Amino acid sequence: MRRLLDGRVALLAYTALDRLADCCGSEQAWVLYKTDQLDELNKVSPYDVIVIDQPLPDELRRDAQ
């Protein structure tokens, strides 16, 4: 999750592991949630919007050293 410039919290979601690696780096930590589990996730870690397959800025990427 990331805070957006307007203050909202975004849940970053990726539709496949290769897209996660391409957008966030090959060493990015991840968890798997099914779409029907997102309400439960929102209860324990609230978010305002879901952003799908969005590349992270270079300074936030986690690539292999």
C-alpha atoms as a PDB file:
ATOM      1  CA  MET A   1       0.000   0.000   0.000  1.00  0.00           C
ATOM      2  CA  ARG A   2       1.132   3.538  -0.729  1.00  0.00           C
ATOM      3  CA  ARG A   3      -0.150   6.954   0.267  1.00  0.00           C
ATOM      4  CA  LEU A   4      -1.046   9.073  -2.756  1.00  0.00           C
ATOM      5  CA  LEU A   5      -0.280  12.779  -3.080  1.00  0.00           C
ATOM      6  CA  ASP A   6      -3.912  13.610  -2.304  1.00  0.00           C
ATOM      7  CA  GLY A   7      -3.735  11.659   0.984  1.00  0.00           C
ATOM      8  CA  ARG A   8      -5.679   8.586  -0.091  1.00  0.00           C
ATOM      9  CA  VAL A   9      -4.225   5.127   0.505  1.00  0.00           C
ATOM     10  CA  ALA A  10      -3.814   2.936  -2.564  1.00  0.00           C
ATOM     11  CA  LEU A  11      -3.727  -0.832  -2.544  1.00  0.00           C
ATOM     12  CA  LEU A  12      -1.237  -1.821  -5.242  1.00  0.00           C
ATOM     13  CA  ALA A  13      -2.458  -4.938  -7.042  1.00  0.00           C
ATOM     14  CA  TYR A  14      -0.749  -6.908  -9.795  1.00  0.00           C
ATOM     15  CA  THR A  15      -2.510  -9.348 -12.071  1.00  0.00           C
ATOM     16  CA  ALA A  16       0.446 -11.739 -12.463  1.00  0.00           C
ATOM     17  CA  LEU A  17       3.862 -12.320 -10.892  1.00  0.00           C
ATOM     18  CA  ASP A  18       5.684 -11.257 -14.056  1.00  0.00           C
ATOM     19  CA  ARG A  19       3.831  -7.931 -13.978  1.00  0.00           C
ATOM     20  CA  LEU A  20       4.726  -7.488 -10.307  1.00  0.00           C
ATOM     21  CA  ALA A  21       8.411  -8.090 -11.101  1.00  0.00           C
ATOM     22  CA  ASP A  22       8.299  -5.774 -14.133  1.00  0.00           C
ATOM     23  CA  CYS A  23       6.580  -2.986 -12.195  1.00  0.00           C
ATOM     24  CA  CYS A  24       8.188  -3.322  -8.759  1.00  0.00           C
ATOM     25  CA  GLY A  25      11.422  -5.281  -9.167  1.00  0.00           C
ATOM     26  CA  SER A  26      12.324  -8.927  -8.989  1.00  0.00           C
ATOM     27  CA  GLU A  27      12.776  -8.918  -5.180  1.00  0.00           C
ATOM     28  CA  GLN A  28       9.506  -7.210  -4.248  1.00  0.00           C
ATOM     29  CA  ALA A  29       7.703  -8.889  -1.359  1.00  0.00           C
ATOM     30  CA  TRP A  30       4.138  -9.949  -2.111  1.00  0.00           C
ATOM     31  CA  VAL A  31       1.075 -11.719  -0.744  1.00  0.00           C
ATOM     32  CA  LEU A  32      -1.794 -13.355  -2.587  1.00  0.00           C
ATOM     33  CA  TYR A  33      -5.368 -12.256  -1.969  1.00  0.00           C
ATOM     34  CA  LYS A  34      -8.327 -13.380  -4.017  1.00  0.00           C
ATOM     35  CA  THR A  35     -10.654 -10.601  -5.079  1.00  0.00           C
ATOM     36  CA  ASP A  36     -13.385 -11.928  -2.791  1.00  0.00           C
ATOM     37  CA  GLN A  37     -10.997 -11.447   0.186  1.00  0.00           C
ATOM     38  CA  LEU A  38     -10.365  -7.739  -0.408  1.00  0.00           C
ATOM     39  CA  ASP A  39     -13.184  -6.622   1.907  1.00  0.00           C
ATOM     40  CA  GLU A  40     -11.546  -8.532   4.758  1.00  0.00           C
ATOM     41  CA  LEU A  41      -8.161  -6.982   3.933  1.00  0.00           C
ATOM     42  CA  ASN A  42      -9.745  -3.525   3.914  1.00  0.00           C
ATOM     43  CA  LYS A  43     -11.073  -4.131   7.436  1.00  0.00           C
ATOM     44  CA  VAL A  44      -7.586  -4.775   8.857  1.00  0.00           C
ATOM     45  CA  SER A  45      -5.571  -2.524   6.509  1.00  0.00           C
ATOM     46  CA  PRO A  46      -7.907   0.143   5.152  1.00  0.00           C
ATOM     47  CA  TYR A  47      -7.364   1.532   1.659  1.00  0.00           C
ATOM     48  CA  ASP A  48      -9.253   4.028  -0.464  1.00  0.00           C
ATOM     49  CA  VAL A  49      -8.494   2.906  -4.012  1.00  0.00           C
ATOM     50  CA  ILE A  50      -7.046  -0.097  -5.817  1.00  0.00           C
ATOM     51  CA  VAL A  51      -4.367   0.574  -8.423  1.00  0.00           C
ATOM     52  CA  ILE A  52      -3.686  -2.277 -10.848  1.00  0.00           C
ATOM     53  CA  ASP A  53      -0.345  -3.066 -12.557  1.00  0.00           C
ATOM     54  CA  GLN A  54       1.130   0.368 -11.793  1.00  0.00           C
ATOM     55  CA  PRO A  55       4.935   0.682 -12.079  1.00  0.00           C
ATOM     56  CA  LEU A  56       6.702   1.994  -8.984  1.00  0.00           C
ATOM     57  CA  PRO A  57       9.233   4.821  -9.186  1.00  0.00           C
ATOM     58  CA  ASP A  58      12.829   3.593  -9.351  1.00  0.00           C
ATOM     59  CA  GLU A  59      13.565   4.581  -5.741  1.00  0.00           C
ATOM     60  CA  LEU A  60      10.793   2.239  -4.487  1.00  0.00           C
ATOM     61  CA  ARG A  61      11.694  -0.774  -6.642  1.00  0.00           C
ATOM     62  CA  ARG A  62      13.263  -3.848  -5.062  1.00  0.00           C
ATOM     63  CA  ASP A  63      15.571  -5.369  -7.627  1.00  0.00           C
ATOM     64  CA  ALA A  64      18.210  -8.060  -7.096  1.00  0.00           C
ATOM     65  CA  GLN A  65      21.593  -6.611  -6.173  1.00  0.00           C
END
